[in-house]
Amino acid sequence: DEWGAVLQFWLTDGRSTGTTLVTQIPWSEHFWCSSQFALSPGFERGSALIELDERCGGVQHLWASDGSRERTRLLYASEDWYPEVSKSARFRGEHYFFVAELDPGLNRNRTALWRSDGTPEGTRRATWLPDRSPGNWYWQRELVAGGAALYFPWEDAELGRELWRSDGTSDGTWPVADLDPGAASSSPSGMIAVGDQV
């Protein structure tokens, strides 16, 4: 192969005759030690995002593919961000996903909501999310698209972990309700989209 060593992406329907090579990503000089995949309806329209971690904790790469070699391309790469494409949701024709990244203005790591239309120029930060409560840096994240907004659990010092929504803008991002009043947490989980509702 003229690409040399590659990371291959296969598709199967559970039968040997239905197992085919979809596309492959050039390995070049990098050592891809881990990967996550996000697939959504409309894969043939280029809606697959592929996250690759270079040398375990080095540069994080985000690729897109529609299943063809010609349209398998790098969207973004940085040492200062950690995308979670496995928790992505498709909203208004774009992928949205969480990214832990360095905020250059504050010189510290924060979490942002990113968006991608499958092109390098269309892959960018949508909005920063509020700072989380001290000491609570990880929980199982969820992101679900409703008709008018994205919904996700989020935690801050004032409300605890409650249900939030975002339309992909800072002005359109806020808590839906404080179900367990004050700093206590209702900890919503297991969200499912049914039509335009969640």
Protein backbone atom coordinates (compact mmCIF):
# COMPACT_ATOMS: atom_id res chain seq x y z
CA ASP A 1 0.00 0.00 0.00
CA GLU A 2 1.31 3.43 -0.90
CA TRP A 3 0.27 4.68 2.54
CA GLY A 4 2.63 2.27 4.35
CA ALA A 5 1.48 1.24 7.84
CA VAL A 6 -2.15 2.17 8.51
CA LEU A 7 -4.89 2.02 11.12
CA GLN A 8 -7.78 0.20 9.46
CA PHE A 9 -11.49 0.81 10.02
CA TRP A 10 -13.74 -2.17 9.21
CA LEU A 11 -17.51 -2.65 8.97
CA THR A 12 -19.37 -5.91 9.56
CA ASP A 13 -22.93 -7.21 9.61
CA GLY A 14 -21.81 -10.27 11.57
CA ARG A 15 -21.08 -12.45 8.54
CA SER A 16 -17.78 -13.09 6.80
CA THR A 17 -19.29 -12.04 3.46
CA GLY A 18 -20.53 -8.82 5.03
CA THR A 19 -17.21 -7.81 6.59
CA THR A 20 -15.39 -5.20 4.54
CA LEU A 21 -12.62 -2.65 4.87
CA VAL A 22 -14.22 0.82 5.05
CA THR A 23 -11.17 3.06 5.15
CA GLN A 24 -7.72 3.41 6.64
CA ILE A 25 -5.73 6.19 8.27
CA PRO A 26 -2.01 6.62 7.64
CA TRP A 27 0.15 5.56 10.56
CA SER A 28 3.16 7.61 9.36
CA GLU A 29 5.75 8.01 12.12
CA HIS A 30 3.17 8.12 14.91
CA PHE A 31 2.29 5.38 17.37
CA TRP A 32 -1.47 5.35 17.82
CA CYS A 33 -1.91 3.80 21.25
CA SER A 34 -5.64 4.30 21.75
CA SER A 35 -8.70 5.39 19.85
CA GLN A 36 -12.37 6.20 20.29
CA PHE A 37 -15.05 6.21 17.62
CA ALA A 38 -18.30 8.13 17.28
CA LEU A 39 -20.76 7.03 14.63
CA SER A 40 -24.15 8.58 14.02
CA PRO A 41 -26.99 8.09 11.56
CA GLY A 42 -25.96 9.14 8.08
CA PHE A 43 -22.48 7.63 8.15
CA GLU A 44 -22.44 7.72 4.34
CA ARG A 45 -22.73 11.51 4.55
CA GLY A 46 -19.45 11.84 6.44
CA SER A 47 -20.75 11.74 10.00
CA ALA A 48 -18.03 9.59 11.57
CA LEU A 49 -15.52 11.15 13.94
CA ILE A 50 -12.41 9.23 14.97
CA GLU A 51 -10.29 10.23 17.94
CA LEU A 52 -6.66 9.12 18.04
CA ASP A 53 -4.14 9.55 20.84
CA GLU A 54 -0.52 9.91 19.73
CA ARG A 55 2.01 8.18 21.98
CA CYS A 56 -0.40 7.80 24.91
CA GLY A 57 -1.07 11.29 26.20
CA GLY A 58 0.71 13.33 23.55
CA VAL A 59 -1.06 15.00 20.64
CA GLN A 60 -4.78 14.24 20.42
CA HIS A 61 -6.01 13.94 16.82
CA LEU A 62 -9.57 14.23 15.55
CA TRP A 63 -10.31 12.71 12.15
CA ALA A 64 -13.45 12.44 10.04
CA SER A 65 -14.38 9.84 7.46
CA ASP A 66 -17.30 9.12 5.15
CA GLY A 67 -15.88 5.70 4.36
CA SER A 68 -13.74 6.78 1.40
CA ARG A 69 -10.01 7.32 1.30
CA GLU A 70 -10.45 10.70 -0.38
CA ARG A 71 -12.64 12.03 2.44
CA THR A 72 -10.74 10.59 5.39
CA ARG A 73 -9.00 13.63 6.79
CA LEU A 74 -7.52 15.23 9.90
CA LEU A 75 -9.79 17.88 11.43
CA TYR A 76 -7.79 19.09 14.41
CA ALA A 77 -4.77 18.15 16.53
CA SER A 78 -3.38 19.61 19.74
CA GLU A 79 -1.40 18.74 22.85
CA ASP A 80 -3.70 20.99 24.90
CA TRP A 81 -7.06 19.31 24.38
CA TYR A 82 -8.68 15.95 25.17
CA PRO A 83 -11.84 15.33 23.09
CA GLU A 84 -14.48 12.77 24.08
CA VAL A 85 -16.03 11.85 20.75
CA SER A 86 -17.52 8.65 22.17
CA LYS A 87 -20.01 10.94 23.98
CA SER A 88 -20.90 12.96 20.88
CA ALA A 89 -24.39 13.89 19.73
CA ARG A 90 -25.57 15.05 16.32
CA PHE A 91 -27.52 18.33 16.45
CA ARG A 92 -28.60 20.52 13.54
CA GLY A 93 -26.32 18.64 11.13
CA GLU A 94 -23.16 18.82 13.24
CA HIS A 95 -21.37 16.68 15.81
CA TYR A 96 -21.11 18.11 19.34
CA PHE A 97 -18.75 16.68 21.93
CA PHE A 98 -16.99 17.55 25.18
CA VAL A 99 -13.35 18.66 25.21
CA ALA A 100 -11.10 19.19 28.23
CA GLU A 101 -8.62 21.82 27.09
CA LEU A 102 -6.31 24.58 28.18
CA ASP A 103 -7.99 27.97 28.46
CA PRO A 104 -5.18 30.31 27.35
CA GLY A 105 -6.85 33.32 28.94
CA LEU A 106 -6.93 31.71 32.39
CA ASN A 107 -3.93 29.38 31.87
CA ARG A 108 -5.76 26.37 33.29
CA ASN A 109 -7.78 23.43 32.01
CA ARG A 110 -11.53 23.77 31.53
CA THR A 111 -14.26 21.88 29.72
CA ALA A 112 -15.84 23.15 26.52
CA LEU A 113 -18.49 22.00 24.10
CA TRP A 114 -17.07 21.66 20.58
CA ARG A 115 -18.83 21.30 17.24
CA SER A 116 -17.77 19.81 13.90
CA ASP A 117 -19.39 19.65 10.48
CA GLY A 118 -16.73 17.19 9.30
CA THR A 119 -14.37 19.83 7.86
CA PRO A 120 -11.22 21.33 9.44
CA GLU A 121 -12.57 24.87 9.19
CA GLY A 122 -15.91 23.80 10.67
CA THR A 123 -14.36 22.13 13.73
CA ARG A 124 -14.23 24.63 16.57
CA ARG A 125 -15.21 25.41 20.14
CA ALA A 126 -18.92 26.15 20.51
CA THR A 127 -18.86 27.41 24.11
CA TRP A 128 -17.03 27.07 27.41
CA LEU A 129 -18.95 25.30 30.17
CA PRO A 130 -19.06 26.60 33.77
CA ASP A 131 -16.30 25.53 36.13
CA ARG A 132 -17.10 22.32 37.95
CA SER A 133 -17.17 21.87 41.70
CA PRO A 134 -13.67 21.49 43.23
CA GLY A 135 -12.67 17.86 43.61
CA ASN A 136 -15.39 16.51 41.30
CA TRP A 137 -13.46 16.24 38.08
CA TYR A 138 -14.99 13.15 36.59
CA TRP A 139 -18.33 11.45 36.15
CA GLN A 140 -19.92 9.49 33.34
CA ARG A 141 -20.78 12.18 30.82
CA GLU A 142 -23.84 12.09 28.61
CA LEU A 143 -24.88 14.27 25.69
CA VAL A 144 -28.27 13.89 23.99
CA ALA A 145 -29.83 16.00 21.23
CA GLY A 146 -33.42 17.14 21.55
CA GLY A 147 -35.38 19.18 19.05
CA ALA A 148 -34.22 22.62 20.21
CA ALA A 149 -31.10 21.91 22.27
CA LEU A 150 -28.49 19.49 23.53
CA TYR A 151 -29.02 18.11 27.05
CA PHE A 152 -26.40 16.89 29.50
CA PRO A 153 -25.71 16.53 33.24
CA TRP A 154 -23.34 19.22 34.53
CA GLU A 155 -22.06 20.13 37.96
CA ASP A 156 -21.11 23.46 39.46
CA ALA A 157 -20.61 24.71 43.03
CA GLU A 158 -23.98 26.52 43.17
CA LEU A 159 -26.39 23.87 41.85
CA GLY A 160 -24.56 20.58 42.15
CA ARG A 161 -25.01 18.07 39.32
CA GLU A 162 -28.20 18.90 37.44
CA LEU A 163 -29.66 18.82 33.93
CA TRP A 164 -28.30 21.49 31.55
CA ARG A 165 -29.10 22.44 27.98
CA SER A 166 -27.21 24.19 25.20
CA ASP A 167 -27.94 25.28 21.66
CA GLY A 168 -24.20 25.54 20.97
CA THR A 169 -23.86 29.15 22.09
CA SER A 170 -22.83 30.67 25.43
CA ASP A 171 -26.12 32.62 25.68
CA GLY A 172 -28.08 29.44 24.97
CA THR A 173 -26.39 27.33 27.67
CA TRP A 174 -28.04 27.14 31.09
CA PRO A 175 -29.42 24.73 33.73
CA VAL A 176 -32.87 23.36 32.91
CA ALA A 177 -33.94 22.92 36.53
CA ASP A 178 -32.46 22.54 40.01
CA LEU A 179 -34.25 19.28 40.78
CA ASP A 180 -32.48 18.84 44.11
CA PRO A 181 -32.38 22.44 45.39
CA GLY A 182 -29.13 24.10 46.40
CA ALA A 183 -25.70 22.52 46.04
CA ALA A 184 -27.09 18.98 46.37
CA SER A 185 -27.22 16.92 43.18
CA SER A 186 -30.11 15.15 41.49
CA SER A 187 -27.51 13.43 39.22
CA PRO A 188 -29.65 12.85 36.11
CA SER A 189 -28.52 9.96 33.91
CA GLY A 190 -29.70 7.48 31.31
CA MET A 191 -31.11 10.16 29.02
CA ILE A 192 -32.79 9.01 25.80
CA ALA A 193 -34.06 11.10 22.90
CA VAL A 194 -37.62 10.29 21.80
CA GLY A 195 -38.52 12.39 18.80
CA ASP A 196 -37.83 16.01 19.74
CA GLN A 197 -37.97 15.29 23.48
CA VAL A 198 -35.45 13.86 25.96
